[in-house]
C-alpha atoms as a PDB file:
ATOM      1  CA  MET A   1       0.000   0.000   0.000  1.00  0.00           C
ATOM      2  CA  PHE A   2       2.731   2.482   0.946  1.00  0.00           C
ATOM      3  CA  THR A   3       4.559   1.578  -2.257  1.00  0.00           C
ATOM      4  CA  HIS A   4       1.488   2.626  -4.267  1.00  0.00           C
ATOM      5  CA  ILE A   5       1.172   5.892  -2.318  1.00  0.00           C
ATOM      6  CA  LYS A   6       4.840   6.671  -2.998  1.00  0.00           C
ATOM      7  CA  GLU A   7       4.369   5.801  -6.685  1.00  0.00           C
ATOM      8  CA  ASP A   8       1.363   8.148  -6.909  1.00  0.00           C
ATOM      9  CA  ILE A   9       3.270  11.000  -5.277  1.00  0.00           C
ATOM     10  CA  ASP A  10       6.274  10.399  -7.543  1.00  0.00           C
ATOM     11  CA  ALA A  11       3.961  10.406 -10.573  1.00  0.00           C
ATOM     12  CA  ALA A  12       2.586  13.799  -9.522  1.00  0.00           C
ATOM     13  CA  LEU A  13       6.113  15.160  -9.041  1.00  0.00           C
ATOM     14  CA  ARG A  14       7.121  13.818 -12.454  1.00  0.00           C
ATOM     15  CA  GLN A  15       4.027  15.042 -14.320  1.00  0.00           C
ATOM     16  CA  ASP A  16       3.432  18.447 -12.709  1.00  0.00           C
ATOM     17  CA  PRO A  17       6.225  21.018 -13.031  1.00  0.00           C
ATOM     18  CA  ALA A  18       4.533  23.114 -10.317  1.00  0.00           C
ATOM     19  CA  ALA A  19       4.911  20.318  -7.741  1.00  0.00           C
ATOM     20  CA  ARG A  20       7.701  21.336  -5.380  1.00  0.00           C
ATOM     21  CA  ASN A  21       8.047  18.445  -2.939  1.00  0.00           C
ATOM     22  CA  ARG A  22       6.428  15.255  -1.630  1.00  0.00           C
ATOM     23  CA  LEU A  23       4.863  16.886   1.424  1.00  0.00           C
ATOM     24  CA  GLU A  24       3.149  19.561  -0.657  1.00  0.00           C
ATOM     25  CA  VAL A  25       1.797  16.953  -3.077  1.00  0.00           C
ATOM     26  CA  LEU A  26       0.647  14.698  -0.231  1.00  0.00           C
ATOM     27  CA  LEU A  27      -1.261  17.482   1.506  1.00  0.00           C
ATOM     28  CA  THR A  28      -2.582  19.680  -1.308  1.00  0.00           C
ATOM     29  CA  TYR A  29      -3.324  17.667  -4.462  1.00  0.00           C
ATOM     30  CA  PRO A  30      -7.060  16.900  -4.699  1.00  0.00           C
ATOM     31  CA  GLY A  31      -6.578  14.726  -7.793  1.00  0.00           C
ATOM     32  CA  LEU A  32      -4.292  12.515  -5.759  1.00  0.00           C
ATOM     33  CA  HIS A  33      -6.749  12.480  -2.842  1.00  0.00           C
ATOM     34  CA  ALA A  34      -9.496  11.476  -5.275  1.00  0.00           C
ATOM     35  CA  VAL A  35      -7.434   8.551  -6.579  1.00  0.00           C
ATOM     36  CA  TRP A  36      -6.682   7.353  -3.051  1.00  0.00           C
ATOM     37  CA  GLY A  37     -10.358   7.717  -2.153  1.00  0.00           C
ATOM     38  CA  TYR A  38     -11.275   5.721  -5.249  1.00  0.00           C
ATOM     39  CA  ARG A  39      -8.850   2.958  -4.255  1.00  0.00           C
ATOM     40  CA  ILE A  40     -10.527   2.634  -0.843  1.00  0.00           C
ATOM     41  CA  ALA A  41     -14.014   2.696  -2.425  1.00  0.00           C
ATOM     42  CA  HIS A  42     -12.900   0.114  -5.007  1.00  0.00           C
ATOM     43  CA  LEU A  43     -11.684  -2.176  -2.224  1.00  0.00           C
ATOM     44  CA  LEU A  44     -15.037  -1.817  -0.454  1.00  0.00           C
ATOM     45  CA  TRP A  45     -16.844  -2.504  -3.747  1.00  0.00           C
ATOM     46  CA  ASN A  46     -14.839  -5.701  -4.273  1.00  0.00           C
ATOM     47  CA  LEU A  47     -15.621  -6.779  -0.702  1.00  0.00           C
ATOM     48  CA  LYS A  48     -19.320  -6.593  -1.716  1.00  0.00           C
ATOM     49  CA  LEU A  49     -19.867  -3.537   0.519  1.00  0.00           C
ATOM     50  CA  LYS A  50     -21.320  -1.701  -2.453  1.00  0.00           C
ATOM     51  CA  LEU A  51     -23.564   0.779  -0.626  1.00  0.00           C
ATOM     52  CA  ILE A  52     -20.732   1.812   1.685  1.00  0.00           C
ATOM     53  CA  ALA A  53     -18.435   2.105  -1.356  1.00  0.00           C
ATOM     54  CA  ARG A  54     -20.936   4.381  -3.123  1.00  0.00           C
ATOM     55  CA  ILE A  55     -21.484   6.546  -0.036  1.00  0.00           C
ATOM     56  CA  TYR A  56     -17.732   6.911   0.501  1.00  0.00           C
ATOM     57  CA  SER A  57     -17.187   7.603  -3.204  1.00  0.00           C
ATOM     58  CA  ASN A  58     -19.854  10.298  -3.086  1.00  0.00           C
ATOM     59  CA  TRP A  59     -18.123  11.922  -0.108  1.00  0.00           C
ATOM     60  CA  ILE A  60     -14.791  11.880  -2.000  1.00  0.00           C
ATOM     61  CA  ARG A  61     -16.537  13.559  -4.956  1.00  0.00           C
ATOM     62  CA  ALA A  62     -17.903  16.295  -2.673  1.00  0.00           C
ATOM     63  CA  VAL A  63     -14.456  16.929  -1.194  1.00  0.00           C
ATOM     64  CA  THR A  64     -12.351  16.746  -4.378  1.00  0.00           C
ATOM     65  CA  GLY A  65     -14.696  17.507  -7.288  1.00  0.00           C
ATOM     66  CA  VAL A  66     -13.675  14.207  -8.905  1.00  0.00           C
ATOM     67  CA  GLU A  67     -16.225  11.436  -9.450  1.00  0.00           C
ATOM     68  CA  ILE A  68     -14.808   7.949  -9.940  1.00  0.00           C
ATOM     69  CA  HIS A  69     -17.254   5.066  -9.735  1.00  0.00           C
ATOM     70  CA  PRO A  70     -15.929   2.439  -7.307  1.00  0.00           C
ATOM     71  CA  ALA A  71     -16.464  -0.334  -9.901  1.00  0.00           C
ATOM     72  CA  ALA A  72     -14.069   1.293 -12.388  1.00  0.00           C
ATOM     73  CA  LYS A  73     -10.658  -0.340 -12.786  1.00  0.00           C
ATOM     74  CA  ILE A  74      -7.683   2.013 -12.556  1.00  0.00           C
ATOM     75  CA  GLY A  75      -4.021   1.093 -12.872  1.00  0.00           C
ATOM     76  CA  ARG A  76      -0.928   2.305 -11.083  1.00  0.00           C
ATOM     77  CA  ARG A  77       0.571   5.800 -11.097  1.00  0.00           C
ATOM     78  CA  PHE A  78      -2.687   7.360 -12.307  1.00  0.00           C
ATOM     79  CA  PHE A  79      -2.459  11.146 -12.000  1.00  0.00           C
ATOM     80  CA  ILE A  80      -5.286  13.665 -12.220  1.00  0.00           C
ATOM     81  CA  ASP A  81      -3.968  17.220 -12.543  1.00  0.00           C
ATOM     82  CA  HIS A  82      -6.404  19.955 -11.485  1.00  0.00           C
ATOM     83  CA  GLY A  83      -9.079  17.306 -11.021  1.00  0.00           C
ATOM     84  CA  MET A  84     -12.250  19.388 -10.714  1.00  0.00           C
ATOM     85  CA  GLY A  85     -15.016  18.028 -12.947  1.00  0.00           C
ATOM     86  CA  VAL A  86     -13.419  14.665 -13.776  1.00  0.00           C
ATOM     87  CA  VAL A  87     -15.951  11.823 -14.186  1.00  0.00           C
ATOM     88  CA  ILE A  88     -14.986   8.166 -14.642  1.00  0.00           C
ATOM     89  CA  GLY A  89     -17.815   5.692 -15.198  1.00  0.00           C
ATOM     90  CA  ALA A  90     -18.447   2.281 -13.681  1.00  0.00           C
ATOM     91  CA  THR A  91     -17.139   0.096 -16.500  1.00  0.00           C
ATOM     92  CA  ALA A  92     -14.145   2.267 -17.408  1.00  0.00           C
ATOM     93  CA  VAL A  93     -10.726   0.624 -17.381  1.00  0.00           C
ATOM     94  CA  VAL A  94      -7.631   2.817 -17.077  1.00  0.00           C
ATOM     95  CA  GLY A  95      -4.104   1.479 -17.556  1.00  0.00           C
ATOM     96  CA  ASP A  96      -0.856   2.379 -15.823  1.00  0.00           C
ATOM     97  CA  ASP A  97       0.915   5.749 -16.011  1.00  0.00           C
ATOM     98  CA  VAL A  98      -2.141   7.614 -17.288  1.00  0.00           C
ATOM     99  CA  MET A  99      -2.522  11.363 -16.781  1.00  0.00           C
ATOM    100  CA  ILE A 100      -5.727  13.305 -17.207  1.00  0.00           C
ATOM    101  CA  TYR A 101      -6.473  16.966 -16.727  1.00  0.00           C
ATOM    102  CA  HIS A 102      -9.531  18.713 -15.315  1.00  0.00           C
ATOM    103  CA  ASP A 103     -13.036  18.348 -16.713  1.00  0.00           C
ATOM    104  CA  VAL A 104     -12.355  15.014 -18.450  1.00  0.00           C
ATOM    105  CA  THR A 105     -15.162  12.465 -18.799  1.00  0.00           C
ATOM    106  CA  LEU A 106     -14.691   8.757 -19.398  1.00  0.00           C
ATOM    107  CA  GLY A 107     -18.367   8.151 -20.008  1.00  0.00           C
ATOM    108  CA  ALA A 108     -21.003   5.995 -21.633  1.00  0.00           C
ATOM    109  CA  ARG A 109     -23.070   6.473 -24.760  1.00  0.00           C
ATOM    110  CA  THR A 110     -25.811   4.015 -23.822  1.00  0.00           C
ATOM    111  CA  GLN A 111     -27.891   3.070 -20.815  1.00  0.00           C
ATOM    112  CA  GLN A 112     -27.731  -0.641 -21.566  1.00  0.00           C
ATOM    113  CA  SER A 113     -26.088  -2.971 -19.075  1.00  0.00           C
ATOM    114  CA  GLY A 114     -22.621  -4.360 -19.702  1.00  0.00           C
ATOM    115  CA  LYS A 115     -19.424  -2.627 -20.776  1.00  0.00           C
ATOM    116  CA  ARG A 116     -20.357   0.991 -21.603  1.00  0.00           C
ATOM    117  CA  HIS A 117     -17.246   3.019 -20.830  1.00  0.00           C
ATOM    118  CA  PRO A 118     -13.831   3.310 -22.499  1.00  0.00           C
ATOM    119  CA  THR A 119     -10.716   1.248 -21.919  1.00  0.00           C
ATOM    120  CA  ILE A 120      -7.651   3.453 -21.697  1.00  0.00           C
ATOM    121  CA  GLY A 121      -4.217   1.929 -22.379  1.00  0.00           C
ATOM    122  CA  ASN A 122      -0.918   2.653 -20.629  1.00  0.00           C
ATOM    123  CA  ASN A 123       1.004   5.952 -20.868  1.00  0.00           C
ATOM    124  CA  VAL A 124      -1.998   7.925 -22.125  1.00  0.00           C
ATOM    125  CA  VAL A 125      -2.524  11.676 -21.636  1.00  0.00           C
ATOM    126  CA  ILE A 126      -6.033  13.131 -21.910  1.00  0.00           C
ATOM    127  CA  GLY A 127      -6.281  16.927 -22.146  1.00  0.00           C
ATOM    128  CA  SER A 128      -8.628  19.271 -20.293  1.00  0.00           C
ATOM    129  CA  GLY A 129     -12.279  19.094 -21.236  1.00  0.00           C
ATOM    130  CA  ALA A 130     -11.934  15.965 -23.352  1.00  0.00           C
ATOM    131  CA  ARG A 131     -14.796  13.479 -23.488  1.00  0.00           C
ATOM    132  CA  VAL A 132     -13.976   9.845 -24.203  1.00  0.00           C
ATOM    133  CA  LEU A 133     -17.311   8.105 -24.637  1.00  0.00           C
ATOM    134  CA  GLY A 134     -18.552   4.572 -25.161  1.00  0.00           C
ATOM    135  CA  ASN A 135     -17.110   1.090 -25.129  1.00  0.00           C
ATOM    136  CA  ILE A 136     -14.012   2.024 -27.114  1.00  0.00           C
ATOM    137  CA  GLU A 137     -10.290   1.362 -26.731  1.00  0.00           C
ATOM    138  CA  ILE A 138      -7.635   4.032 -26.469  1.00  0.00           C
ATOM    139  CA  GLY A 139      -4.254   2.454 -27.272  1.00  0.00           C
ATOM    140  CA  ASP A 140      -1.000   2.771 -25.372  1.00  0.00           C
ATOM    141  CA  GLY A 141       0.850   6.063 -25.688  1.00  0.00           C
ATOM    142  CA  VAL A 142      -2.133   8.016 -27.078  1.00  0.00           C
ATOM    143  CA  ARG A 143      -2.349  11.783 -26.534  1.00  0.00           C
ATOM    144  CA  ILE A 144      -5.844  13.296 -26.675  1.00  0.00           C
ATOM    145  CA  ASN A 145      -5.828  17.074 -26.994  1.00  0.00           C
ATOM    146  CA  ALA A 146      -8.064  19.351 -24.941  1.00  0.00           C
ATOM    147  CA  ASN A 147     -11.805  19.729 -25.549  1.00  0.00           C
ATOM    148  CA  LEU A 148     -12.140  16.855 -28.001  1.00  0.00           C
ATOM    149  CA  VAL A 149     -14.946  14.305 -28.054  1.00  0.00           C
ATOM    150  CA  VAL A 150     -13.678  10.811 -28.854  1.00  0.00           C
ATOM    151  CA  THR A 151     -16.235   8.121 -29.674  1.00  0.00           C
ATOM    152  CA  LYS A 152     -14.151   5.764 -31.834  1.00  0.00           C
ATOM    153  CA  SER A 153     -11.238   3.561 -30.794  1.00  0.00           C
ATOM    154  CA  VAL A 154      -7.796   5.119 -31.205  1.00  0.00           C
ATOM    155  CA  PRO A 155      -4.722   3.074 -32.198  1.00  0.00           C
ATOM    156  CA  ALA A 156      -1.575   3.142 -30.055  1.00  0.00           C
ATOM    157  CA  ARG A 157       0.830   6.087 -30.243  1.00  0.00           C
ATOM    158  CA  THR A 158      -1.656   8.418 -31.931  1.00  0.00           C
ATOM    159  CA  ASN A 159      -1.975  12.130 -31.250  1.00  0.00           C
ATOM    160  CA  VAL A 160      -5.704  12.910 -31.362  1.00  0.00           C
ATOM    161  CA  ASP A 161      -5.909  16.577 -32.305  1.00  0.00           C
ATOM    162  CA  SER A 162      -9.054  16.751 -34.428  1.00  0.00           C
ATOM    163  CA  SER A 163     -12.517  15.273 -34.724  1.00  0.00           C
ATOM    164  CA  GLU A 164     -11.220  12.307 -36.754  1.00  0.00           C
ATOM    165  CA  PHE A 165     -12.243   9.952 -33.919  1.00  0.00           C
ATOM    166  CA  PHE A 166     -15.682  11.461 -33.405  1.00  0.00           C
ATOM    167  CA  VAL A 167     -18.786   9.784 -34.776  1.00  0.00           C
ATOM    168  CA  ILE A 168     -22.382  10.409 -33.734  1.00  0.00           C
END
C-alpha cells in the first residue's frame, strides 16, 4: 500500500512542473486524494460492501470535485492534474501511467447494461475538457488534446488533435 502511495506522489512530481516536494503533493493535491479515495471505495466494492463504497465515493466527490465510480478499474501511477469536474464511469478501465487533466469524462453512450465506458491503455494523456465516450479502446501512448470528443477507438501512439475519432 505504501509503495502505491509513494508511486502516486512520484507520478505527480514527475508530471506536474509546479509540484515542489512530496509533502506539498501529499497534503494539497485533490486529484491525488481522489485517486486514493477511489482505491478505498474500489476495495469496499470488491468486498461486496457496495452501498458503503458508493457513499464513501460520493463523499470523495464532494471533497475533491472528482467522481470515480468504485467499480471502475484504474491502474498504477494514475495522476489527475487539477481534477475538478473529472468523471470516470463504472465500467471504465484505465491502464498504468495515465494522466488526465480537469473536466475530463470517461463516459457511456448508452444506458444498456454491460461494458459501456472506455478502456484506456498505458502511458496515455487526456487533455482538459476531453470526453472519451462509449465502449471504445484508447491504445497505449495516445495523446488526446483538450476539448475533443472521442467516440471511436484510437490506435496506439496516436496524437488525437481533431474530430477524426468522433462519430455520432
